[in-house]
C-alpha atoms as a PDB file:
ATOM      1  CA  MET A   1     -25.339 -14.713 -15.749  1.00  0.00           C
ATOM      2  CA  TYR A   2     -22.804 -16.641 -13.733  1.00  0.00           C
ATOM      3  CA  ARG A   3     -21.549 -19.917 -15.226  1.00  0.00           C
ATOM      4  CA  MET A   4     -19.807 -22.707 -13.364  1.00  0.00           C
ATOM      5  CA  SER A   5     -18.055 -25.651 -14.935  1.00  0.00           C
ATOM      6  CA  VAL A   6     -19.777 -28.981 -14.822  1.00  0.00           C
ATOM      7  CA  HIS A   7     -16.922 -30.427 -12.818  1.00  0.00           C
ATOM      8  CA  HIS A   8     -17.175 -27.663 -10.256  1.00  0.00           C
ATOM      9  CA  GLN A   9     -20.919 -28.288  -9.900  1.00  0.00           C
ATOM     10  CA  LEU A  10     -20.345 -32.032  -9.432  1.00  0.00           C
ATOM     11  CA  GLU A  11     -17.673 -31.432  -6.826  1.00  0.00           C
ATOM     12  CA  ARG A  12     -19.931 -29.035  -4.943  1.00  0.00           C
ATOM     13  CA  ARG A  13     -22.848 -31.468  -4.927  1.00  0.00           C
ATOM     14  CA  GLY A  14     -20.724 -34.522  -4.238  1.00  0.00           C
ATOM     15  CA  SER A  15     -20.741 -37.895  -5.938  1.00  0.00           C
ATOM     16  CA  PRO A  16     -23.956 -39.965  -5.966  1.00  0.00           C
ATOM     17  CA  ARG A  17     -22.315 -42.535  -3.725  1.00  0.00           C
ATOM     18  CA  ALA A  18     -21.360 -39.892  -1.160  1.00  0.00           C
ATOM     19  CA  ARG A  19     -24.900 -38.480  -1.227  1.00  0.00           C
ATOM     20  CA  LYS A  20     -26.393 -41.916  -0.612  1.00  0.00           C
ATOM     21  CA  SER A  21     -24.131 -42.552   2.341  1.00  0.00           C
ATOM     22  CA  ARG A  22     -25.135 -39.166   3.843  1.00  0.00           C
ATOM     23  CA  GLN A  23     -28.828 -39.949   3.373  1.00  0.00           C
ATOM     24  CA  ARG A  24     -28.647 -43.331   5.104  1.00  0.00           C
ATOM     25  CA  SER A  25     -29.017 -43.543   8.784  1.00  0.00           C
ATOM     26  CA  PRO A  26     -26.241 -45.401  10.543  1.00  0.00           C
ATOM     27  CA  HIS A  27     -26.893 -49.145  10.623  1.00  0.00           C
ATOM     28  CA  SER A  28     -27.345 -50.895  13.829  1.00  0.00           C
ATOM     29  CA  GLY A  29     -25.324 -54.045  14.408  1.00  0.00           C
ATOM     30  CA  GLU A  30     -28.351 -56.249  13.649  1.00  0.00           C
ATOM     31  CA  ASP A  31     -29.113 -54.425  10.403  1.00  0.00           C
ATOM     32  CA  ALA A  32     -25.496 -54.759   9.268  1.00  0.00           C
ATOM     33  CA  ALA A  33     -25.450 -58.472  10.147  1.00  0.00           C
ATOM     34  CA  ARG A  34     -28.737 -59.048   8.318  1.00  0.00           C
ATOM     35  CA  GLU A  35     -27.471 -57.174   5.270  1.00  0.00           C
ATOM     36  CA  ALA A  36     -24.214 -59.161   5.347  1.00  0.00           C
ATOM     37  CA  LEU A  37     -26.168 -62.431   5.427  1.00  0.00           C
ATOM     38  CA  GLU A  38     -28.345 -61.281   2.531  1.00  0.00           C
ATOM     39  CA  LEU A  39     -25.294 -60.300   0.532  1.00  0.00           C
ATOM     40  CA  GLN A  40     -23.622 -63.624   1.303  1.00  0.00           C
ATOM     41  CA  ALA A  41     -26.729 -65.510   0.161  1.00  0.00           C
ATOM     42  CA  ARG A  42     -26.799 -63.443  -3.027  1.00  0.00           C
ATOM     43  CA  VAL A  43     -23.110 -64.161  -3.706  1.00  0.00           C
ATOM     44  CA  GLU A  44     -23.731 -67.874  -3.173  1.00  0.00           C
ATOM     45  CA  ASP A  45     -26.695 -67.798  -5.543  1.00  0.00           C
ATOM     46  CA  LEU A  46     -24.714 -65.966  -8.187  1.00  0.00           C
ATOM     47  CA  SER A  47     -21.813 -68.401  -7.785  1.00  0.00           C
ATOM     48  CA  TYR A  48     -24.244 -71.290  -8.243  1.00  0.00           C
ATOM     49  CA  ARG A  49     -25.715 -69.687 -11.342  1.00  0.00           C
ATOM     50  CA  LEU A  50     -22.256 -69.029 -12.750  1.00  0.00           C
ATOM     51  CA  GLY A  51     -21.325 -72.676 -12.225  1.00  0.00           C
ATOM     52  CA  ARG A  52     -24.476 -73.835 -14.011  1.00  0.00           C
ATOM     53  CA  SER A  53     -23.825 -71.423 -16.866  1.00  0.00           C
ATOM     54  CA  GLU A  54     -20.262 -72.634 -17.250  1.00  0.00           C
ATOM     55  CA  ALA A  55     -21.426 -76.263 -17.237  1.00  0.00           C
ATOM     56  CA  ARG A  56     -24.103 -75.480 -19.796  1.00  0.00           C
ATOM     57  CA  ALA A  57     -21.541 -73.748 -22.021  1.00  0.00           C
ATOM     58  CA  GLU A  58     -19.227 -76.767 -21.788  1.00  0.00           C
ATOM     59  CA  LEU A  59     -22.036 -79.191 -22.656  1.00  0.00           C
ATOM     60  CA  THR A  60     -23.059 -77.021 -25.580  1.00  0.00           C
ATOM     61  CA  GLU A  61     -19.492 -76.985 -26.839  1.00  0.00           C
ATOM     62  CA  ARG A  62     -19.262 -80.783 -26.605  1.00  0.00           C
ATOM     63  CA  ALA A  63     -22.593 -81.265 -28.347  1.00  0.00           C
ATOM     64  CA  GLU A  64     -21.579 -78.872 -31.118  1.00  0.00           C
ATOM     65  CA  SER A  65     -18.305 -80.739 -31.598  1.00  0.00           C
ATOM     66  CA  THR A  66     -20.139 -84.065 -31.780  1.00  0.00           C
ATOM     67  CA  VAL A  67     -22.658 -82.713 -34.302  1.00  0.00           C
ATOM     68  CA  ARG A  68     -19.860 -81.317 -36.468  1.00  0.00           C
ATOM     69  CA  GLU A  69     -18.062 -84.676 -36.460  1.00  0.00           C
ATOM     70  CA  ALA A  70     -21.296 -86.470 -37.385  1.00  0.00           C
ATOM     71  CA  LEU A  71     -21.920 -83.963 -40.163  1.00  0.00           C
ATOM     72  CA  GLU A  72     -18.439 -84.549 -41.564  1.00  0.00           C
ATOM     73  CA  ARG A  73     -18.954 -88.342 -41.510  1.00  0.00           C
ATOM     74  CA  GLU A  74     -22.331 -87.937 -43.280  1.00  0.00           C
ATOM     75  CA  ARG A  75     -20.755 -85.735 -45.950  1.00  0.00           C
ATOM     76  CA  GLU A  76     -18.056 -88.347 -46.580  1.00  0.00           C
ATOM     77  CA  ARG A  77     -20.712 -91.082 -46.745  1.00  0.00           C
ATOM     78  CA  ALA A  78     -22.807 -89.013 -49.168  1.00  0.00           C
ATOM     79  CA  ASP A  79     -19.762 -88.414 -51.363  1.00  0.00           C
ATOM     80  CA  ARG A  80     -19.032 -92.169 -51.474  1.00  0.00           C
ATOM     81  CA  LEU A  81     -22.636 -92.987 -52.338  1.00  0.00           C
ATOM     82  CA  GLU A  82     -22.698 -90.350 -55.076  1.00  0.00           C
ATOM     83  CA  ALA A  83     -19.515 -91.791 -56.601  1.00  0.00           C
ATOM     84  CA  GLU A  84     -20.972 -95.295 -56.456  1.00  0.00           C
ATOM     85  CA  ALA A  85     -24.228 -94.119 -58.069  1.00  0.00           C
ATOM     86  CA  ARG A  86     -22.259 -92.356 -60.803  1.00  0.00           C
ATOM     87  CA  GLN A  87     -20.326 -95.549 -61.537  1.00  0.00           C
ATOM     88  CA  LEU A  88     -23.536 -97.593 -61.685  1.00  0.00           C
ATOM     89  CA  ARG A  89     -25.148 -95.077 -64.058  1.00  0.00           C
ATOM     90  CA  GLU A  90     -22.101 -95.134 -66.315  1.00  0.00           C
ATOM     91  CA  ALA A  91     -22.098 -98.941 -66.347  1.00  0.00           C
ATOM     92  CA  ALA A  92     -25.824 -98.986 -67.170  1.00  0.00           C
ATOM     93  CA  LEU A  93     -25.339 -96.411 -69.940  1.00  0.00           C
ATOM     94  CA  GLU A  94     -22.449 -98.429 -71.401  1.00  0.00           C
ATOM     95  CA  ALA A  95     -24.564-101.575 -71.330  1.00  0.00           C
ATOM     96  CA  SER A  96     -27.446 -99.789 -73.072  1.00  0.00           C
ATOM     97  CA  ARG A  97     -25.104 -98.571 -75.833  1.00  0.00           C
ATOM     98  CA  ARG A  98     -24.126-102.088 -76.832  1.00  0.00           C
ATOM     99  CA  GLY A  99     -26.288-103.574 -79.515  1.00  0.00           C
ATOM    100  CA  PHE A 100     -29.041-106.049 -78.916  1.00  0.00           C
ATOM    101  CA  TRP A 101     -27.128-109.058 -80.269  1.00  0.00           C
ATOM    102  CA  SER A 102     -23.963-108.256 -78.357  1.00  0.00           C
ATOM    103  CA  ARG A 103     -25.972-107.956 -75.175  1.00  0.00           C
ATOM    104  CA  LEU A 104     -27.790-111.156 -75.922  1.00  0.00           C
ATOM    105  CA  PHE A 105     -24.711-113.196 -76.782  1.00  0.00           C
ATOM    106  CA  GLY A 106     -22.309-111.322 -74.480  1.00  0.00           C
ATOM    107  CA  SER A 107     -19.488-110.235 -76.723  1.00  0.00           C
END
């Protein structure tokens, strides 16, 4: 059995791109112009889509930044309110520990 290297086989057959170009019939001027216009339209469409995607990414980044800032402000607010509630509970507990007469007469 005769064995050839894979690379030798590929060289003998030619690359897929070379095979495609051999299979195609030569384009007429009109076909080439039409294909060029189609490719140009496709490039323009892809450029438009890329621009929209970049804009969307920028808006998402801004929105995320805004949400993070709002979250940080809310956390700070919640911390302040918790500290205030803790102080009020401690004051209420201290007041309840005083005896009835001292609460009544305020000593």
